[in-house]
Amino acid sequence: MGCVAEGEGFNVTSIVIESTTRSRYCPKIKNIKIKLIADADTQKLIGAQAIEGEGVSGRINTLATALTNHMSVYDVSMLDLAYSPPFAPVWDPIIVVANVLLRKMKRQ
């Protein structure tokens, strides 16, 4: 049994990464898991999930905005997100997961 997106004609691909919510040298560092779902043919972002850690709501809001604006995974990978060691690592987990998914789609 396939997922709903496949039933709608999407060539679904996805990836899950685990990253950190702050720079690694900051105290009280937390983990976060983010999943992106995309159409492999068009690279259009079609879903996202995030769990654990702090800052999940802000990252979900960012991904919801990307979905609302029909952004591609490439567009998400190019977002210029805030960096401040106590609140976000240099490479925000959103950017990391988008780049990992792009590499996966290039191999498919």
C-alpha atoms as a PDB file:
ATOM      1  CA  MET A   1       0.000   0.000   0.000  1.00  0.00           C
ATOM      2  CA  GLY A   2       1.530   3.324  -1.104  1.00  0.00           C
ATOM      3  CA  CYS A   3       1.230   6.731   0.467  1.00  0.00           C
ATOM      4  CA  VAL A   4      -1.396   9.316  -0.421  1.00  0.00           C
ATOM      5  CA  ALA A   5       1.101  11.387  -2.442  1.00  0.00           C
ATOM      6  CA  GLU A   6       1.884   8.392  -4.643  1.00  0.00           C
ATOM      7  CA  GLY A   7      -1.850   7.944  -5.201  1.00  0.00           C
ATOM      8  CA  GLU A   8      -1.941  11.557  -6.415  1.00  0.00           C
ATOM      9  CA  GLY A   9       0.734  10.805  -9.009  1.00  0.00           C
ATOM     10  CA  PHE A  10       3.858  12.021  -7.212  1.00  0.00           C
ATOM     11  CA  ASN A  11       7.139  10.115  -7.499  1.00  0.00           C
ATOM     12  CA  VAL A  12       7.757  10.280  -3.766  1.00  0.00           C
ATOM     13  CA  THR A  13      11.183  10.411  -2.191  1.00  0.00           C
ATOM     14  CA  SER A  14      12.064  11.392   1.361  1.00  0.00           C
ATOM     15  CA  ILE A  15      14.897  11.640   3.828  1.00  0.00           C
ATOM     16  CA  VAL A  16      15.213  11.947   7.616  1.00  0.00           C
ATOM     17  CA  ILE A  17      18.205  13.520   9.321  1.00  0.00           C
ATOM     18  CA  GLU A  18      19.133  14.024  12.929  1.00  0.00           C
ATOM     19  CA  SER A  19      20.973  17.225  13.713  1.00  0.00           C
ATOM     20  CA  THR A  20      21.432  19.646  16.582  1.00  0.00           C
ATOM     21  CA  THR A  21      19.502  22.767  17.463  1.00  0.00           C
ATOM     22  CA  ARG A  22      22.555  24.774  18.496  1.00  0.00           C
ATOM     23  CA  SER A  23      26.234  24.930  17.677  1.00  0.00           C
ATOM     24  CA  ARG A  24      27.965  21.837  19.043  1.00  0.00           C
ATOM     25  CA  TYR A  25      30.062  23.752  21.579  1.00  0.00           C
ATOM     26  CA  CYS A  26      27.029  25.386  23.243  1.00  0.00           C
ATOM     27  CA  PRO A  27      25.771  24.038  26.554  1.00  0.00           C
ATOM     28  CA  LYS A  28      22.511  22.100  26.736  1.00  0.00           C
ATOM     29  CA  ILE A  29      22.640  21.104  23.077  1.00  0.00           C
ATOM     30  CA  LYS A  30      19.538  19.240  21.848  1.00  0.00           C
ATOM     31  CA  ASN A  31      18.890  16.919  18.929  1.00  0.00           C
ATOM     32  CA  ILE A  32      16.226  17.470  16.295  1.00  0.00           C
ATOM     33  CA  LYS A  33      14.934  15.145  13.580  1.00  0.00           C
ATOM     34  CA  ILE A  34      13.589  16.544  10.324  1.00  0.00           C
ATOM     35  CA  LYS A  35      11.957  14.678   7.459  1.00  0.00           C
ATOM     36  CA  LEU A  36      11.395  16.169   4.015  1.00  0.00           C
ATOM     37  CA  ILE A  37       9.166  14.603   1.379  1.00  0.00           C
ATOM     38  CA  ALA A  38       9.433  15.634  -2.260  1.00  0.00           C
ATOM     39  CA  ASP A  39       8.427  14.692  -5.775  1.00  0.00           C
ATOM     40  CA  ALA A  40      11.610  13.231  -7.270  1.00  0.00           C
ATOM     41  CA  ASP A  41      10.581  14.251 -10.798  1.00  0.00           C
ATOM     42  CA  THR A  42      10.037  17.965 -10.111  1.00  0.00           C
ATOM     43  CA  GLN A  43      12.003  18.328  -6.834  1.00  0.00           C
ATOM     44  CA  LYS A  44       8.915  20.062  -5.412  1.00  0.00           C
ATOM     45  CA  LEU A  45       8.628  19.902  -1.628  1.00  0.00           C
ATOM     46  CA  ILE A  46       5.369  18.114  -0.754  1.00  0.00           C
ATOM     47  CA  GLY A  47       5.716  17.437   2.992  1.00  0.00           C
ATOM     48  CA  ALA A  48       7.810  17.925   6.110  1.00  0.00           C
ATOM     49  CA  GLN A  49       7.973  16.792   9.719  1.00  0.00           C
ATOM     50  CA  ALA A  50      10.144  17.756  12.688  1.00  0.00           C
ATOM     51  CA  ILE A  51      10.348  16.276  16.168  1.00  0.00           C
ATOM     52  CA  GLU A  52      12.367  16.607  19.360  1.00  0.00           C
ATOM     53  CA  GLY A  53      14.548  19.416  20.550  1.00  0.00           C
ATOM     54  CA  GLU A  54      13.969  23.091  20.879  1.00  0.00           C
ATOM     55  CA  GLY A  55      13.104  25.356  18.007  1.00  0.00           C
ATOM     56  CA  VAL A  56      10.856  22.773  16.358  1.00  0.00           C
ATOM     57  CA  SER A  57       7.945  25.194  15.972  1.00  0.00           C
ATOM     58  CA  GLY A  58      10.084  27.789  14.195  1.00  0.00           C
ATOM     59  CA  ARG A  59      11.460  25.198  11.818  1.00  0.00           C
ATOM     60  CA  ILE A  60       8.005  23.778  11.119  1.00  0.00           C
ATOM     61  CA  ASN A  61       6.764  27.314  10.449  1.00  0.00           C
ATOM     62  CA  THR A  62       9.611  27.816   7.986  1.00  0.00           C
ATOM     63  CA  LEU A  63       8.814  24.535   6.233  1.00  0.00           C
ATOM     64  CA  ALA A  64       5.069  25.321   6.214  1.00  0.00           C
ATOM     65  CA  THR A  65       5.879  28.615   4.505  1.00  0.00           C
ATOM     66  CA  ALA A  66       8.006  26.754   1.948  1.00  0.00           C
ATOM     67  CA  LEU A  67       5.119  24.369   1.269  1.00  0.00           C
ATOM     68  CA  THR A  68       2.597  27.206   0.993  1.00  0.00           C
ATOM     69  CA  ASN A  69       4.824  28.933  -1.540  1.00  0.00           C
ATOM     70  CA  HIS A  70       5.365  25.747  -3.611  1.00  0.00           C
ATOM     71  CA  MET A  71       9.124  25.848  -3.107  1.00  0.00           C
ATOM     72  CA  SER A  72      11.429  23.193  -4.487  1.00  0.00           C
ATOM     73  CA  VAL A  73      13.917  21.337  -2.328  1.00  0.00           C
ATOM     74  CA  TYR A  74      16.621  23.413  -4.007  1.00  0.00           C
ATOM     75  CA  ASP A  75      14.810  26.620  -2.984  1.00  0.00           C
ATOM     76  CA  VAL A  76      14.713  25.384   0.617  1.00  0.00           C
ATOM     77  CA  SER A  77      18.419  24.504   0.496  1.00  0.00           C
ATOM     78  CA  MET A  78      19.177  28.108  -0.487  1.00  0.00           C
ATOM     79  CA  LEU A  79      17.216  29.791   2.335  1.00  0.00           C
ATOM     80  CA  ASP A  80      19.216  32.349   4.284  1.00  0.00           C
ATOM     81  CA  LEU A  81      18.329  31.431   7.868  1.00  0.00           C
ATOM     82  CA  ALA A  82      19.518  33.140  11.040  1.00  0.00           C
ATOM     83  CA  TYR A  83      22.720  31.983  12.705  1.00  0.00           C
ATOM     84  CA  SER A  84      23.431  32.503  16.365  1.00  0.00           C
ATOM     85  CA  PRO A  85      25.327  29.753  18.228  1.00  0.00           C
ATOM     86  CA  PRO A  86      22.967  29.649  21.244  1.00  0.00           C
ATOM     87  CA  PHE A  87      19.921  29.256  18.951  1.00  0.00           C
ATOM     88  CA  ALA A  88      21.032  27.669  15.671  1.00  0.00           C
ATOM     89  CA  PRO A  89      24.137  26.047  14.174  1.00  0.00           C
ATOM     90  CA  VAL A  90      25.924  27.532  11.163  1.00  0.00           C
ATOM     91  CA  TRP A  91      24.095  25.059   8.920  1.00  0.00           C
ATOM     92  CA  ASP A  92      20.510  25.000  10.146  1.00  0.00           C
ATOM     93  CA  PRO A  93      18.980  21.496  10.159  1.00  0.00           C
ATOM     94  CA  ILE A  94      16.510  22.664   7.474  1.00  0.00           C
ATOM     95  CA  ILE A  95      19.391  23.482   5.124  1.00  0.00           C
ATOM     96  CA  VAL A  96      21.141  20.206   5.979  1.00  0.00           C
ATOM     97  CA  VAL A  97      18.100  18.015   5.297  1.00  0.00           C
ATOM     98  CA  ALA A  98      17.335  19.832   2.030  1.00  0.00           C
ATOM     99  CA  ASN A  99      20.900  19.308   0.789  1.00  0.00           C
ATOM    100  CA  VAL A 100      20.882  15.624   1.771  1.00  0.00           C
ATOM    101  CA  LEU A 101      17.592  15.142  -0.090  1.00  0.00           C
ATOM    102  CA  LEU A 102      18.962  16.940  -3.166  1.00  0.00           C
ATOM    103  CA  ARG A 103      21.964  14.583  -3.222  1.00  0.00           C
ATOM    104  CA  LYS A 104      19.643  11.588  -2.881  1.00  0.00           C
ATOM    105  CA  MET A 105      17.484  12.765  -5.789  1.00  0.00           C
ATOM    106  CA  LYS A 106      20.544  13.239  -7.999  1.00  0.00           C
ATOM    107  CA  ARG A 107      21.522   9.585  -7.387  1.00  0.00           C
ATOM    108  CA  GLN A 108      18.053   8.265  -8.254  1.00  0.00           C
END
